[in-house]
N, C-alpha and C. Protein backbone atom coordinates (compact mmCIF):
# COMPACT_ATOMS: atom_id res chain seq x y z
N MET A 1 12.34 1.63 1.58
CA MET A 1 11.38 1.18 2.54
C MET A 1 10.60 0.01 1.93
N LYS A 2 10.00 -0.75 2.79
CA LYS A 2 9.15 -1.85 2.33
C LYS A 2 7.91 -1.92 3.21
N LEU A 3 6.94 -2.69 2.74
CA LEU A 3 5.73 -2.89 3.54
C LEU A 3 6.09 -3.70 4.77
N ARG A 4 5.49 -3.34 5.89
CA ARG A 4 5.77 -4.03 7.14
C ARG A 4 5.28 -5.47 7.09
N LYS A 5 6.05 -6.35 7.69
CA LYS A 5 5.65 -7.76 7.76
C LYS A 5 4.38 -7.90 8.58
N ASN A 6 3.69 -8.98 8.38
CA ASN A 6 2.45 -9.30 9.10
C ASN A 6 1.26 -8.46 8.68
N LEU A 7 1.39 -7.70 7.61
CA LEU A 7 0.25 -6.94 7.10
C LEU A 7 -0.32 -7.68 5.90
N VAL A 8 -1.64 -7.87 5.90
CA VAL A 8 -2.29 -8.65 4.86
C VAL A 8 -3.43 -7.84 4.26
N LEU A 9 -3.48 -7.82 2.94
CA LEU A 9 -4.57 -7.14 2.24
C LEU A 9 -5.75 -8.10 2.14
N ARG A 10 -6.92 -7.63 2.53
CA ARG A 10 -8.15 -8.41 2.46
C ARG A 10 -9.22 -7.62 1.71
N LYS A 11 -10.05 -8.33 0.98
CA LYS A 11 -11.19 -7.70 0.31
C LYS A 11 -12.45 -8.19 0.99
N LEU A 12 -13.27 -7.25 1.39
CA LEU A 12 -14.53 -7.56 2.04
C LEU A 12 -15.62 -6.82 1.29
N GLY A 13 -16.33 -7.54 0.43
CA GLY A 13 -17.30 -6.89 -0.45
C GLY A 13 -16.56 -5.96 -1.38
N PRO A 14 -17.01 -4.72 -1.51
CA PRO A 14 -16.34 -3.77 -2.39
C PRO A 14 -15.15 -3.06 -1.71
N ASN A 15 -14.93 -3.35 -0.44
CA ASN A 15 -13.91 -2.65 0.34
C ASN A 15 -12.62 -3.46 0.45
N TYR A 16 -11.52 -2.73 0.57
CA TYR A 16 -10.21 -3.34 0.79
C TYR A 16 -9.69 -2.86 2.14
N MET A 17 -9.02 -3.74 2.84
CA MET A 17 -8.44 -3.35 4.11
C MET A 17 -7.14 -4.09 4.35
N ILE A 18 -6.29 -3.44 5.12
CA ILE A 18 -5.03 -4.03 5.56
C ILE A 18 -5.23 -4.40 7.02
N VAL A 19 -4.94 -5.66 7.33
CA VAL A 19 -5.05 -6.10 8.72
C VAL A 19 -3.68 -6.50 9.22
N ASP A 20 -3.45 -6.24 10.48
CA ASP A 20 -2.19 -6.58 11.15
C ASP A 20 -2.35 -7.94 11.78
N VAL A 21 -1.72 -8.94 11.21
CA VAL A 21 -1.83 -10.31 11.68
C VAL A 21 -0.56 -10.67 12.44
N ASN A 22 -0.70 -10.92 13.72
CA ASN A 22 0.42 -11.36 14.55
C ASN A 22 0.09 -12.71 15.13
N ALA A 23 1.02 -13.65 15.01
CA ALA A 23 0.81 -15.02 15.47
C ALA A 23 -0.46 -15.55 14.83
N ASP A 24 -1.45 -15.94 15.62
CA ASP A 24 -2.68 -16.49 15.08
C ASP A 24 -3.88 -15.59 15.32
N CYS A 25 -3.63 -14.33 15.59
CA CYS A 25 -4.76 -13.43 15.86
C CYS A 25 -4.66 -12.18 15.00
N VAL A 26 -5.78 -11.53 14.83
CA VAL A 26 -5.85 -10.28 14.09
C VAL A 26 -6.20 -9.18 15.08
N ASP A 27 -5.41 -8.12 15.07
CA ASP A 27 -5.68 -6.98 15.94
C ASP A 27 -6.67 -6.06 15.22
N LEU A 28 -7.93 -6.13 15.59
CA LEU A 28 -8.96 -5.34 14.91
C LEU A 28 -8.84 -3.84 15.20
N ALA A 29 -8.01 -3.48 16.16
CA ALA A 29 -7.77 -2.06 16.41
C ALA A 29 -6.85 -1.48 15.34
N LYS A 30 -6.21 -2.37 14.58
CA LYS A 30 -5.27 -1.93 13.55
C LYS A 30 -5.72 -2.44 12.18
N VAL A 31 -6.84 -1.94 11.72
CA VAL A 31 -7.35 -2.27 10.40
C VAL A 31 -7.39 -0.97 9.60
N TYR A 32 -6.82 -1.00 8.41
CA TYR A 32 -6.71 0.19 7.58
C TYR A 32 -7.47 -0.03 6.28
N THR A 33 -8.32 0.89 5.91
CA THR A 33 -9.09 0.74 4.67
C THR A 33 -8.39 1.48 3.54
N MET A 34 -8.66 1.03 2.31
CA MET A 34 -8.09 1.69 1.14
C MET A 34 -8.99 1.46 -0.07
N ASN A 35 -8.81 2.31 -1.06
CA ASN A 35 -9.61 2.18 -2.28
C ASN A 35 -8.97 1.14 -3.21
N ALA A 36 -9.63 0.86 -4.31
CA ALA A 36 -9.17 -0.18 -5.24
C ALA A 36 -7.82 0.16 -5.87
N THR A 37 -7.59 1.42 -6.17
CA THR A 37 -6.31 1.82 -6.76
C THR A 37 -5.17 1.57 -5.79
N CYS A 38 -5.37 1.96 -4.56
CA CYS A 38 -4.36 1.76 -3.52
C CYS A 38 -4.15 0.26 -3.27
N ALA A 39 -5.22 -0.50 -3.24
CA ALA A 39 -5.12 -1.94 -3.05
C ALA A 39 -4.36 -2.59 -4.20
N ASN A 40 -4.57 -2.10 -5.41
CA ASN A 40 -3.84 -2.61 -6.57
C ASN A 40 -2.33 -2.34 -6.41
N LEU A 41 -1.97 -1.14 -5.98
CA LEU A 41 -0.57 -0.83 -5.72
C LEU A 41 0.01 -1.75 -4.66
N TRP A 42 -0.73 -1.92 -3.56
CA TRP A 42 -0.28 -2.78 -2.45
C TRP A 42 -0.01 -4.20 -2.96
N SER A 43 -0.92 -4.72 -3.77
CA SER A 43 -0.77 -6.07 -4.31
C SER A 43 0.47 -6.18 -5.19
N LYS A 44 0.69 -5.20 -6.04
CA LYS A 44 1.88 -5.24 -6.91
C LYS A 44 3.17 -5.17 -6.10
N ILE A 45 3.17 -4.36 -5.07
CA ILE A 45 4.37 -4.25 -4.21
C ILE A 45 4.67 -5.60 -3.56
N THR A 46 3.64 -6.24 -3.01
CA THR A 46 3.86 -7.51 -2.32
C THR A 46 4.19 -8.63 -3.29
N GLU A 47 3.51 -8.69 -4.43
CA GLU A 47 3.75 -9.75 -5.41
C GLU A 47 5.15 -9.68 -6.00
N GLN A 48 5.65 -8.46 -6.21
CA GLN A 48 6.95 -8.28 -6.85
C GLN A 48 8.06 -7.95 -5.87
N ASP A 49 7.73 -7.93 -4.57
CA ASP A 49 8.69 -7.58 -3.51
C ASP A 49 9.44 -6.29 -3.84
N LEU A 50 8.67 -5.25 -4.14
CA LEU A 50 9.24 -3.97 -4.56
C LEU A 50 9.54 -3.07 -3.36
N ASP A 51 10.55 -2.22 -3.52
CA ASP A 51 10.78 -1.17 -2.55
C ASP A 51 9.69 -0.13 -2.69
N VAL A 52 9.29 0.45 -1.57
CA VAL A 52 8.27 1.49 -1.57
C VAL A 52 8.98 2.83 -1.71
N THR A 53 9.06 3.31 -2.94
CA THR A 53 9.62 4.63 -3.23
C THR A 53 8.62 5.39 -4.07
N PRO A 54 8.66 6.71 -4.00
CA PRO A 54 7.74 7.49 -4.83
C PRO A 54 7.89 7.16 -6.32
N GLU A 55 9.12 7.00 -6.78
CA GLU A 55 9.36 6.73 -8.19
C GLU A 55 8.78 5.38 -8.61
N THR A 56 8.95 4.36 -7.78
CA THR A 56 8.42 3.03 -8.09
C THR A 56 6.90 3.05 -8.15
N LEU A 57 6.27 3.63 -7.14
CA LEU A 57 4.81 3.65 -7.10
C LEU A 57 4.23 4.52 -8.21
N ALA A 58 4.86 5.65 -8.51
CA ALA A 58 4.37 6.51 -9.60
C ALA A 58 4.48 5.75 -10.93
N GLY A 59 5.56 5.00 -11.12
CA GLY A 59 5.72 4.21 -12.33
C GLY A 59 4.62 3.16 -12.46
N LEU A 60 4.30 2.50 -11.35
CA LEU A 60 3.22 1.50 -11.37
C LEU A 60 1.88 2.14 -11.74
N LEU A 61 1.61 3.31 -11.18
CA LEU A 61 0.35 3.99 -11.50
C LEU A 61 0.28 4.36 -12.98
N CYS A 62 1.39 4.85 -13.51
CA CYS A 62 1.41 5.25 -14.92
C CYS A 62 1.26 4.05 -15.86
N GLU A 63 1.80 2.91 -15.46
CA GLU A 63 1.65 1.70 -16.26
C GLU A 63 0.20 1.22 -16.30
N GLU A 64 -0.49 1.36 -15.18
CA GLU A 64 -1.83 0.81 -15.02
C GLU A 64 -2.94 1.78 -15.43
N TYR A 65 -2.72 3.07 -15.21
CA TYR A 65 -3.77 4.07 -15.41
C TYR A 65 -3.27 5.18 -16.34
N ASP A 66 -4.19 5.89 -16.91
CA ASP A 66 -3.87 7.02 -17.78
C ASP A 66 -3.69 8.26 -16.91
N VAL A 67 -2.47 8.40 -16.38
CA VAL A 67 -2.18 9.52 -15.48
C VAL A 67 -0.77 10.04 -15.80
N GLU A 68 -0.61 11.36 -15.69
CA GLU A 68 0.71 11.95 -15.92
C GLU A 68 1.63 11.62 -14.76
N TYR A 69 2.91 11.41 -15.07
CA TYR A 69 3.89 10.99 -14.07
C TYR A 69 3.96 11.97 -12.89
N ASN A 70 4.00 13.28 -13.16
CA ASN A 70 4.14 14.26 -12.07
C ASN A 70 2.94 14.23 -11.12
N LEU A 71 1.75 14.03 -11.66
CA LEU A 71 0.56 13.93 -10.80
C LEU A 71 0.61 12.63 -9.99
N ALA A 72 1.00 11.54 -10.64
CA ALA A 72 1.13 10.26 -9.93
C ALA A 72 2.17 10.37 -8.82
N LEU A 73 3.28 11.04 -9.11
CA LEU A 73 4.34 11.21 -8.11
C LEU A 73 3.84 11.99 -6.90
N LYS A 74 3.10 13.06 -7.15
CA LYS A 74 2.52 13.86 -6.05
C LYS A 74 1.59 13.00 -5.20
N ASP A 75 0.72 12.24 -5.86
CA ASP A 75 -0.25 11.41 -5.15
C ASP A 75 0.43 10.31 -4.32
N VAL A 76 1.44 9.65 -4.89
CA VAL A 76 2.07 8.57 -4.13
C VAL A 76 2.93 9.11 -2.99
N CYS A 77 3.45 10.32 -3.11
CA CYS A 77 4.17 10.91 -1.98
C CYS A 77 3.23 11.10 -0.79
N GLU A 78 2.01 11.56 -1.07
CA GLU A 78 1.00 11.71 -0.02
C GLU A 78 0.63 10.34 0.56
N LEU A 79 0.49 9.34 -0.31
CA LEU A 79 0.14 7.99 0.14
C LEU A 79 1.24 7.41 1.02
N ILE A 80 2.47 7.54 0.62
CA ILE A 80 3.59 7.02 1.41
C ILE A 80 3.64 7.71 2.77
N ASP A 81 3.40 9.01 2.80
CA ASP A 81 3.35 9.73 4.09
C ASP A 81 2.27 9.14 5.00
N LYS A 82 1.10 8.84 4.43
CA LYS A 82 0.02 8.24 5.23
C LYS A 82 0.42 6.85 5.73
N TRP A 83 1.06 6.07 4.87
CA TRP A 83 1.51 4.74 5.28
C TRP A 83 2.54 4.83 6.41
N LYS A 84 3.42 5.83 6.33
CA LYS A 84 4.41 6.02 7.40
C LYS A 84 3.72 6.40 8.72
N ILE A 85 2.79 7.34 8.65
CA ILE A 85 2.08 7.78 9.85
C ILE A 85 1.35 6.62 10.51
N ASN A 86 0.80 5.70 9.69
CA ASN A 86 0.05 4.57 10.22
C ASN A 86 0.93 3.33 10.46
N ASP A 87 2.24 3.52 10.37
CA ASP A 87 3.20 2.46 10.70
C ASP A 87 3.02 1.22 9.80
N LEU A 88 2.81 1.46 8.51
CA LEU A 88 2.64 0.35 7.57
C LEU A 88 3.93 0.02 6.83
N LEU A 89 4.98 0.84 7.05
CA LEU A 89 6.25 0.66 6.37
C LEU A 89 7.38 0.40 7.36
N GLU A 90 8.44 -0.24 6.87
CA GLU A 90 9.65 -0.44 7.67
C GLU A 90 10.84 -0.33 6.75
N GLU A 91 12.00 -0.15 7.34
CA GLU A 91 13.24 -0.06 6.55
C GLU A 91 13.55 -1.42 5.94
N ARG A 92 14.07 -1.41 4.75
CA ARG A 92 14.43 -2.67 4.07
C ARG A 92 15.70 -3.23 4.65
């Protein structure tokens, strides 16, 4: 899976949000907030054009933070489920 096209990460003060940008407008009904850790993952995925898999995201978390792989894997599985529910992912 990959991040859906037309989604842009924005920082507004201390907050991070994903906005759905289509053509020249932003649909404010589709704005998703996230914490700094999640925003960091999102940035790495987009910068490196990575597939969104539990193993990839858990590896990124372990590289960046002092966290055990199994705990990171559990957390990113929950995160990916939320991204799927909110239609933030698409098939590669």
